[in-house]
Amino acid sequence: MMLQPRLPIRTLCRQCKFPVPVLRRSYAQVIDPVHPDNSRNEPPPSLPQDLLGGSNVQVQLRRYRPRTPGVRHLVRPLNDHLWKGRPLHELTFPKKGHAKGGRNHTGHIVMRHRGGGHKRRIRTVDFHRADGGKHLVERIEHDPGRSAHIALVKNLQTGKQTYILAAEGLRAGDTVESFRAGLPDSLIQEMGGHIDLGLLASKTANRGNCLKLSMIPVGTPIFNIAPTKEDGGKMCRGAGTHGIIIGKGEDTVQKEMAKVLGDSGTLDWTTLDPLILKKFESAANYVTVRLSSGEVRLIDKDAVATIGIASNINFKYTQLGKAGRSRWLGIRPTVRGVAMNAMDHPHGGGRGKSKNNRIPSSPWGIPAKSGYKTRPKNKVNPLVVTERPRNQGKRRRGYK
C-alpha cells in the first residue's frame, strides 16, 4: 500500500531565491523492526533443528510513524524480497461474482462475513509437483489468496513455468526438484548403483524439494503434505505451519518382529501368525507425522510432502491497523452476540453486557470454544493417533 504524500510547504531562500521545502511530509517511514510486545522480553519462536541447519530466526516486523490514525497500529512482516511487479498472467484467473461473497453454487451463504474487497486474481498453484527435474526459482511473490508466499519456478529442461508454495528461506536463484515420480537414474549412479539412505537424504532432503515420506529422514519439518499417494498437498499450507516426521512404520515393524521372533536371529515368515503378519504389513505402509496443531496422524509412506516450513512465518504478528484494510481483504463486519436480542443469538438479551454464564456458542447454539467436535462418535478416523488438544467449550483449569 502506498500512502499519499502531502504537498510540501515551500519558502524562498533569501540568498538563492529558489523554492526550498521547509516542512515535507513524505511516505510513511519505517521504524526499526521490533517485536510486537517489548515488555515481555520473550525469545523469538525457534525453528526445529534438523538437516536444514535451522538458524535462529528473529521476528522482523515493520512499523510506521503514526502519520495517520490508520497507520498508527499497522504492523506488517518484513518481506523485502517479494516481487514488486504483477504475477504471470497465464497462471491466474479473475475472482469475481458469487466467489467473493461466501456463497455456494446455489447462491446460499455458506461462510458468513465475506464479501466485497479489492479485485484480485487467483494464482493456480501446483500442489502435486508431478513434474520431475530441476526447477529454477525465478522470484518469490505474494499471493492474495493465501497467507504463505508462492514461488515462480521454471523447469530447466522444458522451460515450463509454474507456481509452487514457497518454503521459508527460499529465494530467487535457488534450485528445487520433485522426486514424486521416483529417483532419476543419474542420482542412483552417483550413489554407486545402489540406494544409500544416508547419502540419499543428503542429496534430496533440501529446502523446497518434494519427496515421498518414506525418503524423508525422521525429525525433518515438512509442509504441503498430501494425505494419500494420489492427492496433492492439502495439509500444512498456511504461513508458518509445518509437520514433523516422528516415526516410520518400517522401523517400528522391525523392532516388533525382533521381539516376536526372539533371539533366533533368523526371519522365518512361516512361523508368524497370519493376523500378526497382516498387522505388520499394514503398519509398515504408514509414517507418523505430528502436525502444527498437535495432532499426530498416520500418512501413507508413498504420499509426498515438501521439505521445510511454509513461508511468511511472521504472518501471525500482522495487525491491519484499521477496519477499512479488513474490508479491502473481503472481510465484512462481525456483530457481537451480546449486542443482539435474545431471539437472534444465544448470548443476546438481558440487562448489561453479559451472556449469563453461558459457554461461548454460535448463533445456532453449537459450542464455539476451541473447536467443538461435530464428527459422529461411531465414525472414528483410524489414521489419527492423537487428536489435537481441545477443551470442548469448557474453561481450562487456571484460566481466568
Protein backbone atom coordinates (compact mmCIF):
# COMPACT_ATOMS: atom_id res chain seq x y z
CA MET A 1 0.00 0.00 0.00
CA MET A 2 1.31 3.40 -0.94
CA LEU A 3 0.49 6.23 1.43
CA GLN A 4 -0.33 9.54 -0.26
CA PRO A 5 2.23 12.28 0.37
CA ARG A 6 1.12 15.75 1.37
CA LEU A 7 2.14 18.73 -0.76
CA PRO A 8 5.27 20.34 0.76
CA ILE A 9 5.20 23.89 2.10
CA ARG A 10 7.86 25.87 0.28
CA THR A 11 9.55 29.10 1.08
CA LEU A 12 12.05 31.20 -0.81
CA CYS A 13 15.67 31.19 0.25
CA ARG A 14 16.86 34.78 0.76
CA GLN A 15 20.18 34.23 -0.96
CA CYS A 16 19.49 31.87 -3.88
CA LYS A 17 15.80 32.76 -4.39
CA PHE A 18 14.92 29.12 -5.11
CA PRO A 19 12.00 27.32 -3.55
CA VAL A 20 13.21 25.22 -0.61
CA PRO A 21 10.92 22.79 1.18
CA VAL A 22 10.63 23.57 4.90
CA LEU A 23 8.03 21.06 6.07
CA ARG A 24 7.81 17.99 3.88
CA ARG A 25 5.50 15.08 4.57
CA SER A 26 6.86 12.08 2.74
CA TYR A 27 5.76 8.47 2.67
CA ALA A 28 5.44 6.57 5.92
CA GLN A 29 8.87 5.95 7.35
CA VAL A 30 9.88 2.60 8.73
CA ILE A 31 10.90 2.25 12.35
CA ASP A 32 13.43 -0.40 13.33
CA PRO A 33 11.87 -3.86 13.25
CA VAL A 34 10.79 -4.77 16.76
CA HIS A 35 8.78 -7.42 18.49
CA PRO A 36 5.07 -6.54 18.89
CA ASP A 37 5.43 -6.53 22.68
CA ASN A 38 8.76 -5.47 24.15
CA SER A 39 7.59 -5.62 27.76
CA ARG A 40 7.54 -9.41 27.93
CA ASN A 41 11.09 -9.91 26.62
CA GLU A 42 10.13 -13.33 25.27
CA PRO A 43 12.57 -15.06 22.93
CA PRO A 44 11.50 -15.37 19.28
CA PRO A 45 9.94 -18.67 18.22
CA SER A 46 12.67 -21.11 17.31
CA LEU A 47 12.54 -23.42 14.35
CA PRO A 48 13.24 -27.14 14.73
CA GLN A 49 16.87 -28.10 14.34
CA ASP A 50 17.21 -30.56 11.50
CA LEU A 51 19.07 -31.22 8.28
CA LEU A 52 18.26 -27.74 7.08
CA GLY A 53 20.67 -26.29 9.63
CA GLY A 54 17.94 -24.19 11.20
CA SER A 55 19.32 -20.85 12.31
CA ASN A 56 17.85 -18.60 14.97
CA VAL A 57 15.11 -16.76 13.11
CA GLN A 58 14.23 -13.39 14.63
CA VAL A 59 10.82 -11.80 14.40
CA GLN A 60 11.22 -8.97 11.91
CA LEU A 61 8.25 -6.63 11.67
CA ARG A 62 7.70 -3.27 10.07
CA ARG A 63 6.03 -0.45 11.94
CA TYR A 64 5.23 3.04 10.65
CA ARG A 65 5.26 6.51 12.11
CA PRO A 66 1.70 7.44 13.09
CA ARG A 67 1.17 9.99 10.33
CA THR A 68 -2.50 8.97 10.17
CA PRO A 69 -4.75 7.05 12.58
CA GLY A 70 -4.85 4.08 10.22
CA VAL A 71 -1.07 3.75 10.24
CA ARG A 72 -0.59 4.08 13.99
CA HIS A 73 -1.30 0.41 14.73
CA LEU A 74 -0.25 -1.00 11.37
CA VAL A 75 2.24 -3.89 11.74
CA ARG A 76 3.49 -5.93 8.81
CA PRO A 77 6.08 -8.67 8.40
CA LEU A 78 9.33 -7.58 6.81
CA ASN A 79 9.30 -9.17 3.35
CA ASP A 80 11.51 -7.01 1.17
CA HIS A 81 12.45 -9.97 -1.02
CA LEU A 82 9.00 -10.22 -2.62
CA TRP A 83 8.43 -9.48 -6.28
CA LYS A 84 7.17 -5.92 -6.78
CA GLY A 85 5.57 -6.46 -10.19
CA ARG A 86 2.47 -8.23 -11.42
CA PRO A 87 2.01 -12.03 -11.44
CA LEU A 88 2.35 -14.21 -14.52
CA HIS A 89 -0.97 -13.61 -16.26
CA GLU A 90 -1.14 -17.08 -17.83
CA LEU A 91 -1.21 -18.70 -14.39
CA THR A 92 -4.05 -16.57 -12.98
CA PHE A 93 -7.79 -16.17 -13.42
CA PRO A 94 -10.15 -13.49 -12.04
CA LYS A 95 -12.11 -13.95 -8.83
CA LYS A 96 -15.48 -12.29 -9.19
CA GLY A 97 -19.18 -12.87 -8.74
CA HIS A 98 -20.50 -15.18 -6.02
CA ALA A 99 -16.98 -16.41 -5.30
CA LYS A 100 -16.33 -13.21 -3.36
CA GLY A 101 -19.47 -13.35 -1.21
CA GLY A 102 -19.03 -16.63 0.68
CA ARG A 103 -21.81 -18.31 -1.33
CA ASN A 104 -22.02 -21.73 -2.93
CA HIS A 105 -23.22 -22.63 -6.42
CA THR A 106 -26.89 -22.22 -5.37
CA GLY A 107 -26.37 -18.70 -4.03
CA HIS A 108 -26.78 -19.56 -0.35
CA ILE A 109 -24.34 -18.11 2.16
CA VAL A 110 -22.13 -20.92 3.45
CA MET A 111 -19.50 -18.66 5.08
CA ARG A 112 -20.52 -15.53 6.89
CA HIS A 113 -18.72 -12.19 6.97
CA ARG A 114 -17.42 -12.41 3.41
CA GLY A 115 -17.97 -10.01 0.55
CA GLY A 116 -16.61 -7.03 -1.35
CA GLY A 117 -12.90 -6.45 -1.22
CA HIS A 118 -10.34 -5.38 -3.76
CA LYS A 119 -10.35 -7.13 -7.10
CA ARG A 120 -7.89 -10.00 -7.29
CA ARG A 121 -6.74 -12.83 -9.48
CA ILE A 122 -6.45 -16.40 -8.28
CA ARG A 123 -3.00 -17.95 -8.72
CA THR A 124 -3.02 -21.53 -9.98
CA VAL A 125 -0.59 -23.24 -7.61
CA ASP A 126 0.85 -26.68 -8.39
CA PHE A 127 0.22 -28.73 -5.25
CA HIS A 128 1.01 -32.10 -6.87
CA ARG A 129 4.58 -31.38 -8.05
CA ALA A 130 4.33 -34.20 -10.60
CA ASP A 131 6.99 -32.83 -12.98
CA GLY A 132 10.48 -34.06 -12.17
CA GLY A 133 13.78 -32.42 -12.98
CA LYS A 134 15.40 -29.32 -11.60
CA HIS A 135 13.38 -26.12 -11.38
CA LEU A 136 14.90 -22.66 -11.05
CA VAL A 137 13.21 -20.25 -8.65
CA GLU A 138 12.73 -17.04 -10.62
CA ARG A 139 11.05 -14.97 -7.89
CA ILE A 140 9.01 -15.09 -4.69
CA GLU A 141 5.57 -13.48 -4.91
CA HIS A 142 2.73 -12.50 -2.61
CA ASP A 143 -0.49 -14.42 -3.16
CA PRO A 144 -3.67 -12.54 -2.12
CA GLY A 145 -5.49 -15.85 -1.83
CA ARG A 146 -3.30 -17.33 0.93
CA SER A 147 -1.11 -16.32 3.83
CA ALA A 148 2.04 -18.12 2.64
CA HIS A 149 4.13 -16.89 -0.26
CA ILE A 150 4.42 -18.60 -3.62
CA ALA A 151 7.44 -19.11 -5.88
CA LEU A 152 7.51 -18.90 -9.66
CA VAL A 153 9.70 -21.78 -10.84
CA LYS A 154 10.89 -22.70 -14.32
CA ASN A 155 11.70 -26.20 -15.49
CA LEU A 156 15.28 -26.13 -16.78
CA GLN A 157 14.55 -28.88 -19.31
CA THR A 158 11.17 -27.90 -20.75
CA GLY A 159 11.03 -24.21 -19.81
CA LYS A 160 7.54 -24.62 -18.29
CA GLN A 161 6.68 -22.07 -15.59
CA THR A 162 4.54 -22.95 -12.58
CA TYR A 163 3.67 -21.59 -9.15
CA ILE A 164 4.52 -23.63 -6.05
CA LEU A 165 4.26 -22.94 -2.33
CA ALA A 166 7.48 -21.30 -1.16
CA ALA A 167 9.40 -22.69 1.79
CA GLU A 168 10.78 -20.34 4.42
CA GLY A 169 14.20 -19.12 3.30
CA LEU A 170 13.66 -19.91 -0.40
CA ARG A 171 14.93 -17.10 -2.62
CA ALA A 172 15.26 -16.28 -6.29
CA GLY A 173 18.10 -18.20 -7.90
CA ASP A 174 17.68 -21.35 -5.80
CA THR A 175 17.01 -24.72 -7.38
CA VAL A 176 14.27 -27.12 -6.28
CA GLU A 177 13.36 -30.56 -7.51
CA SER A 178 10.48 -33.01 -7.23
CA PHE A 179 11.05 -36.73 -6.74
CA ARG A 180 7.40 -37.77 -6.80
CA ALA A 181 7.86 -39.85 -9.96
CA GLY A 182 10.90 -41.60 -8.46
CA LEU A 183 14.64 -41.18 -8.34
CA PRO A 184 16.42 -40.29 -11.60
CA ASP A 185 19.00 -42.71 -12.97
CA SER A 186 21.75 -40.10 -12.72
CA LEU A 187 21.24 -39.83 -8.96
CA ILE A 188 21.37 -43.59 -8.48
CA GLN A 189 24.61 -43.75 -10.46
CA GLU A 190 26.13 -41.05 -8.24
CA MET A 191 25.44 -43.25 -5.22
CA GLY A 192 27.28 -46.19 -6.79
CA GLY A 193 24.35 -48.02 -8.36
CA HIS A 194 22.54 -48.75 -5.08
CA ILE A 195 20.43 -46.61 -2.76
CA ASP A 196 22.16 -45.47 0.42
CA LEU A 197 19.59 -43.86 2.72
CA GLY A 198 22.07 -41.55 4.40
CA LEU A 199 23.59 -40.37 1.13
CA LEU A 200 20.14 -40.11 -0.43
CA ALA A 201 18.94 -37.79 2.34
CA SER A 202 21.95 -35.51 1.93
CA LYS A 203 21.29 -35.15 -1.79
CA THR A 204 17.49 -34.86 -1.81
CA ALA A 205 16.24 -33.59 1.59
CA ASN A 206 16.83 -29.92 0.80
CA ARG A 207 14.57 -26.91 1.34
CA GLY A 208 11.76 -26.76 -1.23
CA ASN A 209 12.21 -30.29 -2.64
CA CYS A 210 9.19 -32.58 -2.96
CA LEU A 211 9.80 -36.11 -1.65
CA LYS A 212 7.90 -39.17 -0.64
CA LEU A 213 7.55 -39.54 3.12
CA SER A 214 9.49 -42.80 3.04
CA MET A 215 12.54 -40.90 1.70
CA ILE A 216 12.48 -38.13 4.33
CA PRO A 217 14.56 -38.64 7.50
CA VAL A 218 12.89 -38.69 10.90
CA GLY A 219 12.79 -35.26 12.56
CA THR A 220 12.62 -33.26 9.34
CA PRO A 221 9.99 -30.47 9.13
CA ILE A 222 7.66 -30.78 6.16
CA PHE A 223 4.71 -28.83 4.76
CA ASN A 224 2.24 -29.10 1.86
CA ILE A 225 1.58 -32.69 2.92
CA ALA A 226 -0.56 -34.97 0.77
CA PRO A 227 -2.87 -37.30 2.77
CA THR A 228 -2.68 -40.10 0.17
CA LYS A 229 -0.29 -41.06 -2.58
CA GLU A 230 -2.64 -39.85 -5.32
CA ASP A 231 -3.54 -36.45 -3.84
CA GLY A 232 -1.71 -33.16 -3.90
CA GLY A 233 -0.67 -31.22 -0.83
CA LYS A 234 -3.60 -30.45 1.46
CA MET A 235 -2.19 -30.16 4.99
CA CYS A 236 0.15 -27.55 6.50
CA ARG A 237 -0.23 -24.99 3.73
CA GLY A 238 -0.75 -21.86 5.85
CA ALA A 239 2.03 -19.42 6.68
CA GLY A 240 4.46 -20.79 9.25
CA THR A 241 2.82 -24.21 9.54
CA HIS A 242 4.70 -27.48 9.29
CA GLY A 243 4.65 -31.08 10.39
CA ILE A 244 7.48 -33.22 11.74
CA ILE A 245 8.07 -36.88 10.98
CA ILE A 246 8.37 -38.58 14.37
CA GLY A 247 8.44 -42.21 13.26
CA LYS A 248 8.25 -44.66 10.40
CA GLY A 249 6.24 -47.83 10.34
CA GLU A 250 9.06 -49.84 8.78
CA ASP A 251 11.38 -49.17 11.72
CA THR A 252 8.66 -50.00 14.24
CA VAL A 253 7.80 -53.26 12.47
CA GLN A 254 11.43 -54.36 12.50
CA LYS A 255 11.62 -53.83 16.27
CA GLU A 256 8.35 -55.67 16.88
CA MET A 257 9.38 -58.59 14.69
CA ALA A 258 12.65 -58.88 16.57
CA LYS A 259 10.67 -59.22 19.80
CA VAL A 260 8.29 -61.81 18.32
CA LEU A 261 10.96 -63.96 16.73
CA GLY A 262 13.14 -63.84 19.82
CA ASP A 263 16.87 -64.35 19.85
CA SER A 264 16.96 -66.84 16.99
CA GLY A 265 18.21 -64.16 14.61
CA THR A 266 16.55 -65.77 11.58
CA LEU A 267 13.48 -64.24 9.98
CA ASP A 268 11.17 -67.16 9.27
CA TRP A 269 7.92 -65.76 7.92
CA THR A 270 6.17 -69.13 8.19
CA THR A 271 6.39 -69.06 11.99
CA LEU A 272 4.39 -65.84 12.27
CA ASP A 273 0.66 -65.79 12.82
CA PRO A 274 -1.19 -64.58 9.66
CA LEU A 275 -3.06 -61.98 11.70
CA ILE A 276 0.18 -60.61 13.16
CA LEU A 277 1.81 -60.63 9.74
CA LYS A 278 -1.11 -58.73 8.25
CA LYS A 279 -0.89 -56.19 11.06
CA PHE A 280 2.81 -55.69 10.41
CA GLU A 281 2.23 -55.22 6.68
CA SER A 282 -0.40 -52.53 7.23
CA ALA A 283 1.72 -50.74 9.85
CA ALA A 284 4.78 -50.67 7.58
CA ASN A 285 2.89 -48.64 4.96
CA TYR A 286 2.45 -45.54 7.15
CA VAL A 287 4.58 -42.74 8.53
CA THR A 288 3.74 -40.96 11.79
CA VAL A 289 3.59 -37.16 11.46
CA ARG A 290 2.93 -34.57 14.16
CA LEU A 291 1.14 -31.52 12.76
CA SER A 292 1.32 -27.93 13.96
CA SER A 293 -2.00 -28.26 15.78
CA GLY A 294 -0.57 -31.02 17.98
CA GLU A 295 -2.42 -33.79 16.18
CA VAL A 296 -0.47 -36.96 15.45
CA ARG A 297 -1.66 -38.97 12.50
CA LEU A 298 -0.61 -41.73 10.13
CA ILE A 299 0.05 -40.89 6.48
CA ASP A 300 0.82 -43.19 3.58
CA LYS A 301 4.56 -43.59 3.10
CA ASP A 302 4.15 -43.08 -0.68
CA ALA A 303 2.45 -39.69 -0.15
CA VAL A 304 4.56 -36.63 -0.85
CA ALA A 305 5.48 -33.52 1.11
CA THR A 306 7.77 -30.53 0.71
CA ILE A 307 10.87 -30.13 2.86
CA GLY A 308 10.90 -27.07 5.12
CA ILE A 309 8.37 -24.74 6.71
CA ALA A 310 5.68 -22.77 4.90
CA SER A 311 6.98 -19.26 4.19
CA ASN A 312 5.97 -15.97 5.85
CA ILE A 313 6.31 -17.33 9.39
CA ASN A 314 5.78 -13.86 10.91
CA PHE A 315 2.32 -13.54 9.38
CA LYS A 316 0.65 -14.20 12.76
CA TYR A 317 2.00 -10.89 14.10
CA THR A 318 0.22 -8.85 11.41
CA GLN A 319 -2.08 -6.04 12.59
CA LEU A 320 -4.30 -4.45 9.96
CA GLY A 321 -4.46 -1.12 11.79
CA LYS A 322 -7.93 -0.06 10.70
CA ALA A 323 -11.30 -1.51 9.72
CA GLY A 324 -11.00 -0.35 6.11
CA ARG A 325 -8.00 -2.54 5.50
CA SER A 326 -10.06 -5.52 6.62
CA ARG A 327 -12.75 -4.60 4.07
CA TRP A 328 -10.10 -4.49 1.34
CA LEU A 329 -9.44 -8.15 2.12
CA GLY A 330 -13.09 -9.05 1.62
CA ILE A 331 -13.91 -9.39 5.33
CA ARG A 332 -17.25 -7.91 6.40
CA PRO A 333 -18.03 -6.70 9.93
CA THR A 334 -18.93 -9.13 12.71
CA VAL A 335 -21.65 -8.22 15.22
CA ARG A 336 -21.20 -9.43 18.80
CA GLY A 337 -23.78 -11.84 20.09
CA VAL A 338 -24.24 -9.93 23.38
CA ALA A 339 -25.32 -6.90 21.33
CA MET A 340 -28.25 -8.81 19.81
CA ASN A 341 -31.70 -9.67 21.08
CA ALA A 342 -32.40 -13.00 22.75
CA MET A 343 -34.21 -14.26 19.66
CA ASP A 344 -31.22 -13.57 17.43
CA HIS A 345 -28.37 -15.12 19.40
CA PRO A 346 -27.89 -17.31 22.50
CA HIS A 347 -25.75 -14.53 24.04
CA GLY A 348 -28.37 -11.85 23.42
CA GLY A 349 -30.94 -10.27 25.69
CA GLY A 350 -30.78 -9.38 29.35
CA ARG A 351 -29.56 -6.29 31.10
CA GLY A 352 -25.99 -5.20 30.70
CA LYS A 353 -23.26 -6.70 28.59
CA SER A 354 -23.41 -10.31 29.73
CA LYS A 355 -24.15 -13.69 28.23
CA ASN A 356 -25.36 -15.06 31.61
CA ASN A 357 -22.51 -17.53 32.26
CA ARG A 358 -23.26 -19.41 29.09
CA ILE A 359 -20.40 -21.13 27.32
CA PRO A 360 -19.41 -19.39 24.05
CA SER A 361 -21.83 -20.53 21.36
CA SER A 362 -22.61 -19.87 17.73
CA PRO A 363 -25.93 -18.31 16.66
CA TRP A 364 -27.28 -21.86 16.33
CA GLY A 365 -26.29 -22.96 19.84
CA ILE A 366 -23.22 -25.02 18.93
CA PRO A 367 -20.28 -24.52 21.35
CA ALA A 368 -17.71 -22.31 19.68
CA LYS A 369 -14.80 -22.61 22.13
CA SER A 370 -11.63 -24.32 20.88
CA GLY A 371 -13.36 -26.22 18.08
CA TYR A 372 -16.39 -28.24 19.06
CA LYS A 373 -16.29 -31.76 17.64
CA THR A 374 -19.14 -32.49 15.26
CA ARG A 375 -17.80 -35.79 13.91
CA PRO A 376 -20.05 -38.74 14.84
CA LYS A 377 -18.58 -40.87 17.60
CA ASN A 378 -19.15 -44.07 15.63
CA LYS A 379 -17.06 -42.75 12.71
CA VAL A 380 -13.58 -42.79 14.21
CA ASN A 381 -10.71 -41.84 11.92
CA PRO A 382 -8.26 -44.75 12.21
CA LEU A 383 -5.39 -42.64 10.88
CA VAL A 384 -5.49 -40.19 13.80
CA VAL A 385 -3.18 -41.44 16.54
CA THR A 386 -3.53 -38.46 18.90
CA GLU A 387 -6.16 -35.77 18.47
CA ARG A 388 -5.26 -32.14 18.82
CA PRO A 389 -5.92 -30.70 22.29
CA ARG A 390 -9.43 -29.31 22.79
CA ASN A 391 -11.40 -28.11 25.79
CA GLN A 392 -14.82 -28.82 24.27
CA GLY A 393 -16.29 -25.44 25.14
CA LYS A 394 -15.25 -25.60 28.79
CA ARG A 395 -12.84 -23.34 30.63
CA ARG A 396 -9.37 -24.72 31.10
CA ARG A 397 -8.01 -25.15 34.59
CA GLY A 398 -6.34 -21.95 35.75
CA TYR A 399 -7.95 -19.88 33.00
CA LYS A 400 -9.27 -16.50 34.14
